[in-house]
Structures are given as C-alpha cells and as structure tokens.
Amino acid sequence: MPLNLDFNVVIFVLVIFLLFLFVMALKERGLLLFKIILKTALGALIIFGINFIGQRFNIVIPLNIWTSACVGILGIPGILVLALMKWAIF
C-alpha cells in the first residue's frame, strides 16, 4: 500500500525543522559553521534586494559568495565597503 503524503505537509515539516535548527544555532556555539552559512544566505538576500532597488539608480553590487559573506557577517558596514569599492574601481 503506497504512502500518500501531501507535499505541503512535507514542506511545512521541513520549514519547522529548519527554524528549529536556526534557533539552536543561535544558542549553541558548536554550530558556528551553520551560523556563517545562514548569515551568508541572508547577505545574498540583502544584496539581491539592493540590486533590485538599485537598478533604477545604477547601483549594482556583484552577487557572489564573497560579497554575500561580507554583507552577512559585517552587516551595514559590509554594504558600505562593497559600495565604496565598486565606486572606487569603476
């Protein structure tokens, strides 16, 4: 007898599990790598948002692993450093 699972239920359970891991990563020091990966992903989302809005003003920051990590770990100073580097080089 095949197991009938609703795809939405599986996605919901996975999201809850990832949120649980995220909360545990913020509490535990042993999950430092997980924190860095989450911050890098958040940095990528921030750069994507800046590029989406900045296209009107001709402000585009390259989106790669290094710029994402810079923004994710440093935050607003990381964004400013990347913008200044972009302005100084180009």
N, C-alpha and C. Protein backbone atom coordinates (compact mmCIF):
# COMPACT_ATOMS: atom_id res chain seq x y z
N MET A 1 0.85 -1.17 0.00
CA MET A 1 0.00 0.00 0.00
C MET A 1 0.90 1.24 0.00
N PRO A 2 0.79 2.10 -1.03
CA PRO A 2 1.65 3.28 -1.10
C PRO A 2 1.28 4.31 -0.04
N LEU A 3 2.28 5.04 0.37
CA LEU A 3 2.10 6.08 1.38
C LEU A 3 1.72 7.38 0.67
N ASN A 4 0.56 7.90 0.96
CA ASN A 4 0.09 9.14 0.35
C ASN A 4 0.42 10.31 1.27
N LEU A 5 1.40 11.10 0.87
CA LEU A 5 1.78 12.28 1.63
C LEU A 5 1.46 13.53 0.83
N ASP A 6 0.93 14.50 1.51
CA ASP A 6 0.68 15.78 0.87
C ASP A 6 2.00 16.55 0.83
N PHE A 7 2.35 17.09 -0.32
CA PHE A 7 3.61 17.79 -0.49
C PHE A 7 3.70 19.02 0.41
N ASN A 8 2.58 19.69 0.64
CA ASN A 8 2.56 20.87 1.51
C ASN A 8 2.90 20.51 2.95
N VAL A 9 2.47 19.35 3.39
CA VAL A 9 2.78 18.92 4.76
C VAL A 9 4.27 18.66 4.90
N VAL A 10 4.86 18.05 3.89
CA VAL A 10 6.29 17.77 3.93
C VAL A 10 7.08 19.07 3.96
N ILE A 11 6.71 20.03 3.14
CA ILE A 11 7.37 21.34 3.13
C ILE A 11 7.20 22.03 4.48
N PHE A 12 6.01 21.97 5.06
CA PHE A 12 5.77 22.58 6.36
C PHE A 12 6.66 21.97 7.43
N VAL A 13 6.78 20.67 7.44
CA VAL A 13 7.63 20.00 8.43
C VAL A 13 9.10 20.37 8.23
N LEU A 14 9.54 20.46 6.98
CA LEU A 14 10.92 20.86 6.72
C LEU A 14 11.20 22.29 7.15
N VAL A 15 10.25 23.19 6.93
CA VAL A 15 10.42 24.58 7.36
C VAL A 15 10.49 24.66 8.88
N ILE A 16 9.64 23.94 9.57
CA ILE A 16 9.68 23.93 11.04
C ILE A 16 11.01 23.38 11.53
N PHE A 17 11.49 22.34 10.88
CA PHE A 17 12.78 21.75 11.27
C PHE A 17 13.92 22.74 11.04
N LEU A 18 13.91 23.46 9.91
CA LEU A 18 14.95 24.44 9.64
C LEU A 18 14.88 25.62 10.62
N LEU A 19 13.68 26.03 10.99
CA LEU A 19 13.55 27.08 12.01
C LEU A 19 14.09 26.62 13.35
N PHE A 20 13.83 25.36 13.68
CA PHE A 20 14.36 24.79 14.92
C PHE A 20 15.89 24.80 14.89
N LEU A 21 16.47 24.39 13.76
CA LEU A 21 17.93 24.41 13.63
C LEU A 21 18.48 25.82 13.73
N PHE A 22 17.76 26.77 13.14
CA PHE A 22 18.20 28.16 13.21
C PHE A 22 18.23 28.67 14.64
N VAL A 23 17.19 28.37 15.40
CA VAL A 23 17.14 28.81 16.80
C VAL A 23 18.24 28.13 17.62
N MET A 24 18.46 26.86 17.37
CA MET A 24 19.51 26.14 18.09
C MET A 24 20.89 26.67 17.71
N ALA A 25 21.07 27.07 16.46
CA ALA A 25 22.35 27.62 16.03
C ALA A 25 22.64 28.95 16.71
N LEU A 26 21.61 29.70 16.97
CA LEU A 26 21.81 30.97 17.66
C LEU A 26 22.17 30.77 19.12
N LYS A 27 21.75 29.66 19.70
CA LYS A 27 22.02 29.40 21.11
C LYS A 27 23.34 28.65 21.33
N GLU A 28 23.67 27.74 20.44
CA GLU A 28 24.84 26.90 20.61
C GLU A 28 26.06 27.50 19.93
N ARG A 29 27.20 27.36 20.56
CA ARG A 29 28.43 27.83 19.96
C ARG A 29 29.02 26.78 19.01
N GLY A 30 28.63 25.55 19.16
CA GLY A 30 29.17 24.49 18.34
C GLY A 30 28.70 24.53 16.91
N LEU A 31 27.65 25.27 16.63
CA LEU A 31 27.11 25.34 15.29
C LEU A 31 27.55 26.63 14.59
N LEU A 32 28.82 26.97 14.75
CA LEU A 32 29.35 28.20 14.18
C LEU A 32 29.29 28.18 12.65
N LEU A 33 29.58 27.05 12.05
CA LEU A 33 29.52 26.94 10.60
C LEU A 33 28.10 27.18 10.10
N PHE A 34 27.11 26.67 10.82
CA PHE A 34 25.71 26.87 10.44
C PHE A 34 25.35 28.35 10.51
N LYS A 35 25.86 29.05 11.53
CA LYS A 35 25.60 30.48 11.65
C LYS A 35 26.19 31.25 10.47
N ILE A 36 27.41 30.88 10.09
CA ILE A 36 28.07 31.56 8.99
C ILE A 36 27.31 31.33 7.69
N ILE A 37 26.84 30.11 7.47
CA ILE A 37 26.08 29.80 6.27
C ILE A 37 24.77 30.59 6.25
N LEU A 38 24.08 30.67 7.39
CA LEU A 38 22.83 31.44 7.44
C LEU A 38 23.07 32.93 7.20
N LYS A 39 24.14 33.45 7.78
CA LYS A 39 24.43 34.87 7.58
C LYS A 39 24.82 35.16 6.13
N THR A 40 25.53 34.22 5.51
CA THR A 40 25.88 34.40 4.10
C THR A 40 24.63 34.38 3.23
N ALA A 41 23.70 33.49 3.53
CA ALA A 41 22.45 33.44 2.77
C ALA A 41 21.65 34.72 2.97
N LEU A 42 21.64 35.23 4.20
CA LEU A 42 20.95 36.49 4.46
C LEU A 42 21.63 37.64 3.72
N GLY A 43 22.95 37.62 3.67
CA GLY A 43 23.69 38.64 2.92
C GLY A 43 23.35 38.60 1.44
N ALA A 44 23.19 37.38 0.90
CA ALA A 44 22.80 37.25 -0.51
C ALA A 44 21.42 37.85 -0.76
N LEU A 45 20.50 37.62 0.17
CA LEU A 45 19.16 38.21 0.02
C LEU A 45 19.21 39.74 0.10
N ILE A 46 20.05 40.26 0.97
CA ILE A 46 20.17 41.71 1.10
C ILE A 46 20.77 42.31 -0.18
N ILE A 47 21.82 41.67 -0.71
CA ILE A 47 22.42 42.16 -1.96
C ILE A 47 21.41 42.08 -3.10
N PHE A 48 20.64 41.00 -3.15
CA PHE A 48 19.61 40.88 -4.19
C PHE A 48 18.61 42.03 -4.09
N GLY A 49 18.21 42.36 -2.86
CA GLY A 49 17.28 43.47 -2.66
C GLY A 49 17.89 44.80 -3.05
N ILE A 50 19.16 45.00 -2.70
CA ILE A 50 19.84 46.24 -3.08
C ILE A 50 19.95 46.35 -4.59
N ASN A 51 20.29 45.25 -5.25
CA ASN A 51 20.39 45.28 -6.71
C ASN A 51 19.04 45.49 -7.37
N PHE A 52 17.99 44.91 -6.78
CA PHE A 52 16.64 45.08 -7.34
C PHE A 52 16.20 46.53 -7.26
N ILE A 53 16.44 47.16 -6.14
CA ILE A 53 16.06 48.57 -5.96
C ILE A 53 17.06 49.49 -6.64
N GLY A 54 18.35 49.13 -6.57
CA GLY A 54 19.39 50.00 -7.10
C GLY A 54 19.50 50.06 -8.60
N GLN A 55 18.79 49.21 -9.32
CA GLN A 55 18.83 49.26 -10.78
C GLN A 55 18.32 50.59 -11.32
N ARG A 56 17.40 51.17 -10.60
CA ARG A 56 16.88 52.48 -11.03
C ARG A 56 17.93 53.57 -10.89
N PHE A 57 18.81 53.42 -9.90
CA PHE A 57 19.82 54.44 -9.61
C PHE A 57 21.20 54.04 -10.12
N ASN A 58 21.26 52.99 -10.92
CA ASN A 58 22.51 52.48 -11.49
C ASN A 58 23.50 52.06 -10.39
N ILE A 59 22.99 51.42 -9.34
CA ILE A 59 23.81 50.90 -8.25
C ILE A 59 23.62 49.39 -8.24
N VAL A 60 24.66 48.67 -8.61
CA VAL A 60 24.59 47.21 -8.65
C VAL A 60 25.84 46.65 -7.98
N ILE A 61 25.64 45.79 -7.00
CA ILE A 61 26.74 45.11 -6.31
C ILE A 61 26.78 43.68 -6.82
N PRO A 62 27.97 43.20 -7.20
CA PRO A 62 28.05 41.82 -7.69
C PRO A 62 27.59 40.83 -6.62
N LEU A 63 26.85 39.82 -7.05
CA LEU A 63 26.33 38.82 -6.12
C LEU A 63 27.14 37.54 -6.28
N ASN A 64 28.00 37.27 -5.31
CA ASN A 64 28.75 36.02 -5.26
C ASN A 64 28.96 35.63 -3.80
N ILE A 65 29.65 34.55 -3.57
CA ILE A 65 29.78 34.03 -2.21
C ILE A 65 30.57 34.99 -1.31
N TRP A 66 31.55 35.67 -1.87
CA TRP A 66 32.40 36.56 -1.06
C TRP A 66 31.67 37.83 -0.67
N THR A 67 30.95 38.42 -1.61
CA THR A 67 30.20 39.62 -1.26
C THR A 67 29.04 39.29 -0.32
N SER A 68 28.44 38.13 -0.51
CA SER A 68 27.36 37.71 0.38
C SER A 68 27.88 37.51 1.80
N ALA A 69 29.03 36.89 1.92
CA ALA A 69 29.62 36.67 3.25
C ALA A 69 30.01 38.00 3.89
N CYS A 70 30.53 38.92 3.08
CA CYS A 70 30.92 40.23 3.60
C CYS A 70 29.71 40.97 4.16
N VAL A 71 28.62 40.98 3.42
CA VAL A 71 27.41 41.66 3.88
C VAL A 71 26.77 40.91 5.04
N GLY A 72 26.74 39.58 4.96
CA GLY A 72 26.11 38.80 6.02
C GLY A 72 26.83 38.90 7.35
N ILE A 73 28.14 38.92 7.32
CA ILE A 73 28.91 38.94 8.57
C ILE A 73 29.08 40.36 9.09
N LEU A 74 29.39 41.30 8.20
CA LEU A 74 29.64 42.68 8.64
C LEU A 74 28.39 43.54 8.74
N GLY A 75 27.35 43.20 7.99
CA GLY A 75 26.11 43.97 8.05
C GLY A 75 26.20 45.24 7.23
N ILE A 76 25.71 46.33 7.79
CA ILE A 76 25.68 47.61 7.07
C ILE A 76 27.08 48.10 6.71
N PRO A 77 28.08 47.97 7.59
CA PRO A 77 29.43 48.35 7.15
C PRO A 77 29.92 47.53 5.96
N GLY A 78 29.52 46.29 5.86
CA GLY A 78 29.89 45.48 4.71
C GLY A 78 29.28 45.99 3.43
N ILE A 79 28.04 46.45 3.51
CA ILE A 79 27.39 47.04 2.34
C ILE A 79 28.12 48.30 1.92
N LEU A 80 28.47 49.12 2.89
CA LEU A 80 29.18 50.37 2.58
C LEU A 80 30.55 50.10 1.98
N VAL A 81 31.27 49.11 2.51
CA VAL A 81 32.59 48.76 1.96
C VAL A 81 32.46 48.31 0.52
N LEU A 82 31.49 47.45 0.23
CA LEU A 82 31.31 46.98 -1.14
C LEU A 82 30.90 48.12 -2.07
N ALA A 83 30.04 49.01 -1.60
CA ALA A 83 29.63 50.15 -2.43
C ALA A 83 30.81 51.09 -2.70
N LEU A 84 31.65 51.32 -1.69
CA LEU A 84 32.82 52.18 -1.89
C LEU A 84 33.83 51.53 -2.82
N MET A 85 34.02 50.22 -2.68
CA MET A 85 34.93 49.51 -3.58
C MET A 85 34.42 49.58 -5.02
N LYS A 86 33.13 49.39 -5.20
CA LYS A 86 32.53 49.47 -6.54
C LYS A 86 32.71 50.87 -7.11
N TRP A 87 32.50 51.88 -6.28
CA TRP A 87 32.64 53.26 -6.74
C TRP A 87 34.10 53.59 -7.07
N ALA A 88 35.04 53.10 -6.25
CA ALA A 88 36.46 53.42 -6.44
C ALA A 88 37.04 52.70 -7.66
N ILE A 89 36.59 51.48 -7.91
CA ILE A 89 37.17 50.70 -9.01
C ILE A 89 36.54 51.09 -10.34
N PHE A 90 35.23 51.29 -10.36
CA PHE A 90 34.55 51.58 -11.62
C PHE A 90 34.10 53.01 -11.59
